[in-house]
Amino acid sequence: MPVFSLRRSLTVFAIAFVVLFVVSLLKGRGVGGGLEFAALWSVLSAAVFAAAQAFQAWRGASCEVCEEGPAERAASR
């Protein structure tokens, strides 16, 4: 389960980073400023995502996606 959660957090980071970097370039920032902006907000976005996920696990909320990884879901179909 921890590897699955880490993979999802890294996916959130990567998607947020790409989107924010492109947006910052479209707004006219330089590449350096865009990288800094995207890195900062992507880390914050991934941290909020991970904290929300940890809070749901601490509360004991059941989640089909959280209980089994993609391989187990595909095998159970």
N, C-alpha and C. Protein backbone atom coordinates (compact mmCIF):
# COMPACT_ATOMS: atom_id res chain seq x y z
N MET A 1 0.80 -1.21 0.00
CA MET A 1 0.00 0.00 0.00
C MET A 1 0.85 1.27 0.00
N PRO A 2 1.93 1.37 0.76
CA PRO A 2 2.71 2.61 0.74
C PRO A 2 3.29 2.93 -0.63
N VAL A 3 3.69 1.92 -1.40
CA VAL A 3 4.23 2.19 -2.73
C VAL A 3 3.15 2.75 -3.64
N PHE A 4 1.94 2.22 -3.52
CA PHE A 4 0.82 2.70 -4.31
C PHE A 4 0.51 4.16 -3.96
N SER A 5 0.52 4.49 -2.67
CA SER A 5 0.26 5.87 -2.24
C SER A 5 1.36 6.82 -2.70
N LEU A 6 2.60 6.37 -2.62
CA LEU A 6 3.71 7.20 -3.06
C LEU A 6 3.62 7.44 -4.56
N ARG A 7 3.26 6.41 -5.31
CA ARG A 7 3.12 6.54 -6.75
C ARG A 7 2.02 7.55 -7.11
N ARG A 8 0.90 7.50 -6.37
CA ARG A 8 -0.17 8.46 -6.64
C ARG A 8 0.26 9.88 -6.30
N SER A 9 1.00 10.06 -5.20
CA SER A 9 1.47 11.39 -4.82
C SER A 9 2.46 11.93 -5.86
N LEU A 10 3.34 11.08 -6.36
CA LEU A 10 4.28 11.50 -7.39
C LEU A 10 3.56 11.82 -8.70
N THR A 11 2.49 11.11 -8.99
CA THR A 11 1.70 11.40 -10.18
C THR A 11 1.04 12.78 -10.05
N VAL A 12 0.50 13.07 -8.88
CA VAL A 12 -0.10 14.40 -8.64
C VAL A 12 0.96 15.47 -8.80
N PHE A 13 2.16 15.23 -8.24
CA PHE A 13 3.24 16.21 -8.37
C PHE A 13 3.60 16.44 -9.84
N ALA A 14 3.76 15.36 -10.59
CA ALA A 14 4.19 15.49 -11.99
C ALA A 14 3.15 16.21 -12.84
N ILE A 15 1.89 15.85 -12.67
CA ILE A 15 0.84 16.51 -13.46
C ILE A 15 0.73 17.98 -13.10
N ALA A 16 0.75 18.28 -11.80
CA ALA A 16 0.66 19.67 -11.36
C ALA A 16 1.87 20.47 -11.87
N PHE A 17 3.05 19.86 -11.82
CA PHE A 17 4.25 20.56 -12.26
C PHE A 17 4.16 20.93 -13.74
N VAL A 18 3.77 19.99 -14.58
CA VAL A 18 3.69 20.26 -16.01
C VAL A 18 2.65 21.33 -16.30
N VAL A 19 1.49 21.20 -15.70
CA VAL A 19 0.42 22.18 -15.95
C VAL A 19 0.84 23.57 -15.48
N LEU A 20 1.38 23.66 -14.28
CA LEU A 20 1.77 24.97 -13.75
C LEU A 20 2.94 25.57 -14.52
N PHE A 21 3.86 24.75 -14.98
CA PHE A 21 4.98 25.26 -15.76
C PHE A 21 4.49 25.83 -17.09
N VAL A 22 3.61 25.12 -17.76
CA VAL A 22 3.07 25.61 -19.03
C VAL A 22 2.30 26.91 -18.82
N VAL A 23 1.49 26.96 -17.77
CA VAL A 23 0.72 28.17 -17.48
C VAL A 23 1.64 29.34 -17.19
N SER A 24 2.70 29.10 -16.42
CA SER A 24 3.61 30.20 -16.11
C SER A 24 4.34 30.69 -17.36
N LEU A 25 4.66 29.79 -18.27
CA LEU A 25 5.28 30.21 -19.52
C LEU A 25 4.30 31.02 -20.36
N LEU A 26 3.04 30.60 -20.39
CA LEU A 26 2.03 31.34 -21.15
C LEU A 26 1.78 32.72 -20.55
N LYS A 27 2.00 32.87 -19.25
CA LYS A 27 1.82 34.17 -18.61
C LYS A 27 3.00 35.10 -18.84
N GLY A 28 4.06 34.59 -19.48
CA GLY A 28 5.19 35.45 -19.82
C GLY A 28 6.36 35.38 -18.87
N ARG A 29 6.36 34.47 -17.91
CA ARG A 29 7.52 34.33 -17.03
C ARG A 29 8.63 33.64 -17.80
N GLY A 30 9.84 33.81 -17.35
CA GLY A 30 10.96 33.11 -17.96
C GLY A 30 10.96 31.65 -17.54
N VAL A 31 11.87 30.89 -18.13
CA VAL A 31 11.95 29.46 -17.81
C VAL A 31 12.34 29.26 -16.35
N GLY A 32 13.29 30.02 -15.86
CA GLY A 32 13.73 29.89 -14.47
C GLY A 32 12.62 30.21 -13.49
N GLY A 33 11.92 31.29 -13.74
CA GLY A 33 10.80 31.66 -12.88
C GLY A 33 9.66 30.66 -12.96
N GLY A 34 9.44 30.13 -14.15
CA GLY A 34 8.40 29.13 -14.33
C GLY A 34 8.71 27.84 -13.61
N LEU A 35 9.98 27.42 -13.67
CA LEU A 35 10.38 26.20 -12.95
C LEU A 35 10.24 26.37 -11.45
N GLU A 36 10.65 27.54 -10.94
CA GLU A 36 10.55 27.81 -9.50
C GLU A 36 9.08 27.82 -9.07
N PHE A 37 8.24 28.51 -9.81
CA PHE A 37 6.81 28.59 -9.51
C PHE A 37 6.17 27.21 -9.53
N ALA A 38 6.44 26.45 -10.59
CA ALA A 38 5.84 25.13 -10.74
C ALA A 38 6.32 24.17 -9.66
N ALA A 39 7.60 24.22 -9.33
CA ALA A 39 8.15 23.31 -8.31
C ALA A 39 7.52 23.60 -6.94
N LEU A 40 7.45 24.87 -6.59
CA LEU A 40 6.89 25.24 -5.28
C LEU A 40 5.44 24.79 -5.14
N TRP A 41 4.62 25.14 -6.10
CA TRP A 41 3.19 24.83 -5.99
C TRP A 41 2.90 23.35 -6.22
N SER A 42 3.74 22.67 -6.97
CA SER A 42 3.55 21.23 -7.15
C SER A 42 3.87 20.48 -5.86
N VAL A 43 4.92 20.89 -5.17
CA VAL A 43 5.25 20.27 -3.88
C VAL A 43 4.12 20.51 -2.89
N LEU A 44 3.60 21.73 -2.85
CA LEU A 44 2.50 22.03 -1.93
C LEU A 44 1.24 21.23 -2.29
N SER A 45 0.95 21.10 -3.57
CA SER A 45 -0.22 20.34 -4.01
C SER A 45 -0.09 18.86 -3.64
N ALA A 46 1.08 18.29 -3.88
CA ALA A 46 1.30 16.88 -3.53
C ALA A 46 1.26 16.67 -2.03
N ALA A 47 1.75 17.64 -1.25
CA ALA A 47 1.71 17.52 0.21
C ALA A 47 0.27 17.56 0.72
N VAL A 48 -0.55 18.44 0.17
CA VAL A 48 -1.96 18.50 0.58
C VAL A 48 -2.66 17.20 0.18
N PHE A 49 -2.37 16.68 -0.99
CA PHE A 49 -2.97 15.43 -1.43
C PHE A 49 -2.57 14.29 -0.49
N ALA A 50 -1.29 14.20 -0.15
CA ALA A 50 -0.81 13.14 0.74
C ALA A 50 -1.40 13.28 2.14
N ALA A 51 -1.52 14.53 2.63
CA ALA A 51 -2.10 14.75 3.96
C ALA A 51 -3.57 14.35 3.98
N ALA A 52 -4.30 14.68 2.94
CA ALA A 52 -5.72 14.30 2.88
C ALA A 52 -5.86 12.79 2.81
N GLN A 53 -4.99 12.15 2.07
CA GLN A 53 -5.01 10.70 1.96
C GLN A 53 -4.68 10.05 3.31
N ALA A 54 -3.69 10.59 4.02
CA ALA A 54 -3.32 10.06 5.34
C ALA A 54 -4.45 10.28 6.34
N PHE A 55 -5.12 11.43 6.27
CA PHE A 55 -6.24 11.70 7.17
C PHE A 55 -7.38 10.72 6.94
N GLN A 56 -7.68 10.44 5.68
CA GLN A 56 -8.74 9.47 5.37
C GLN A 56 -8.37 8.08 5.89
N ALA A 57 -7.11 7.70 5.77
CA ALA A 57 -6.66 6.41 6.28
C ALA A 57 -6.73 6.38 7.80
N TRP A 58 -6.37 7.48 8.46
CA TRP A 58 -6.41 7.56 9.91
C TRP A 58 -7.85 7.47 10.42
N ARG A 59 -8.78 8.09 9.68
CA ARG A 59 -10.19 8.03 10.04
C ARG A 59 -10.77 6.65 9.84
N GLY A 60 -10.11 5.84 9.03
CA GLY A 60 -10.59 4.50 8.77
C GLY A 60 -11.61 4.44 7.66
N ALA A 61 -11.62 5.47 6.82
CA ALA A 61 -12.56 5.49 5.70
C ALA A 61 -12.18 4.39 4.72
N SER A 62 -13.17 3.62 4.32
CA SER A 62 -12.88 2.55 3.36
C SER A 62 -12.96 3.12 1.95
N CYS A 63 -12.06 2.65 1.15
CA CYS A 63 -11.98 3.12 -0.24
C CYS A 63 -11.53 1.95 -1.09
N GLU A 64 -12.30 1.62 -2.10
CA GLU A 64 -11.95 0.48 -2.94
C GLU A 64 -10.60 0.69 -3.62
N VAL A 65 -10.34 1.90 -4.06
CA VAL A 65 -9.08 2.18 -4.73
C VAL A 65 -7.92 2.08 -3.75
N CYS A 66 -8.12 2.55 -2.52
CA CYS A 66 -7.05 2.52 -1.52
C CYS A 66 -6.77 1.11 -1.01
N GLU A 67 -7.76 0.27 -0.97
CA GLU A 67 -7.60 -1.06 -0.40
C GLU A 67 -6.81 -1.99 -1.30
N GLU A 68 -6.88 -1.80 -2.59
CA GLU A 68 -6.18 -2.69 -3.49
C GLU A 68 -5.57 -1.87 -4.62
N GLY A 69 -4.43 -2.31 -5.06
CA GLY A 69 -3.73 -1.61 -6.13
C GLY A 69 -4.32 -1.94 -7.48
N PRO A 70 -3.79 -1.33 -8.53
CA PRO A 70 -4.32 -1.56 -9.88
C PRO A 70 -4.22 -3.02 -10.33
N ALA A 71 -3.16 -3.72 -9.92
CA ALA A 71 -2.99 -5.11 -10.35
C ALA A 71 -4.09 -6.00 -9.76
N GLU A 72 -4.40 -5.79 -8.48
CA GLU A 72 -5.44 -6.59 -7.86
C GLU A 72 -6.81 -6.29 -8.45
N ARG A 73 -7.06 -5.00 -8.79
CA ARG A 73 -8.34 -4.64 -9.38
C ARG A 73 -8.51 -5.30 -10.74
N ALA A 74 -7.44 -5.31 -11.52
CA ALA A 74 -7.52 -5.91 -12.86
C ALA A 74 -7.72 -7.42 -12.75
N ALA A 75 -7.11 -8.06 -11.77
CA ALA A 75 -7.24 -9.51 -11.60
C ALA A 75 -8.61 -9.89 -11.09
N SER A 76 -9.27 -9.00 -10.35
CA SER A 76 -10.58 -9.33 -9.77
C SER A 76 -11.72 -9.14 -10.75
N ARG A 77 -11.47 -8.57 -11.90
CA ARG A 77 -12.54 -8.33 -12.89
C ARG A 77 -12.84 -9.55 -13.68
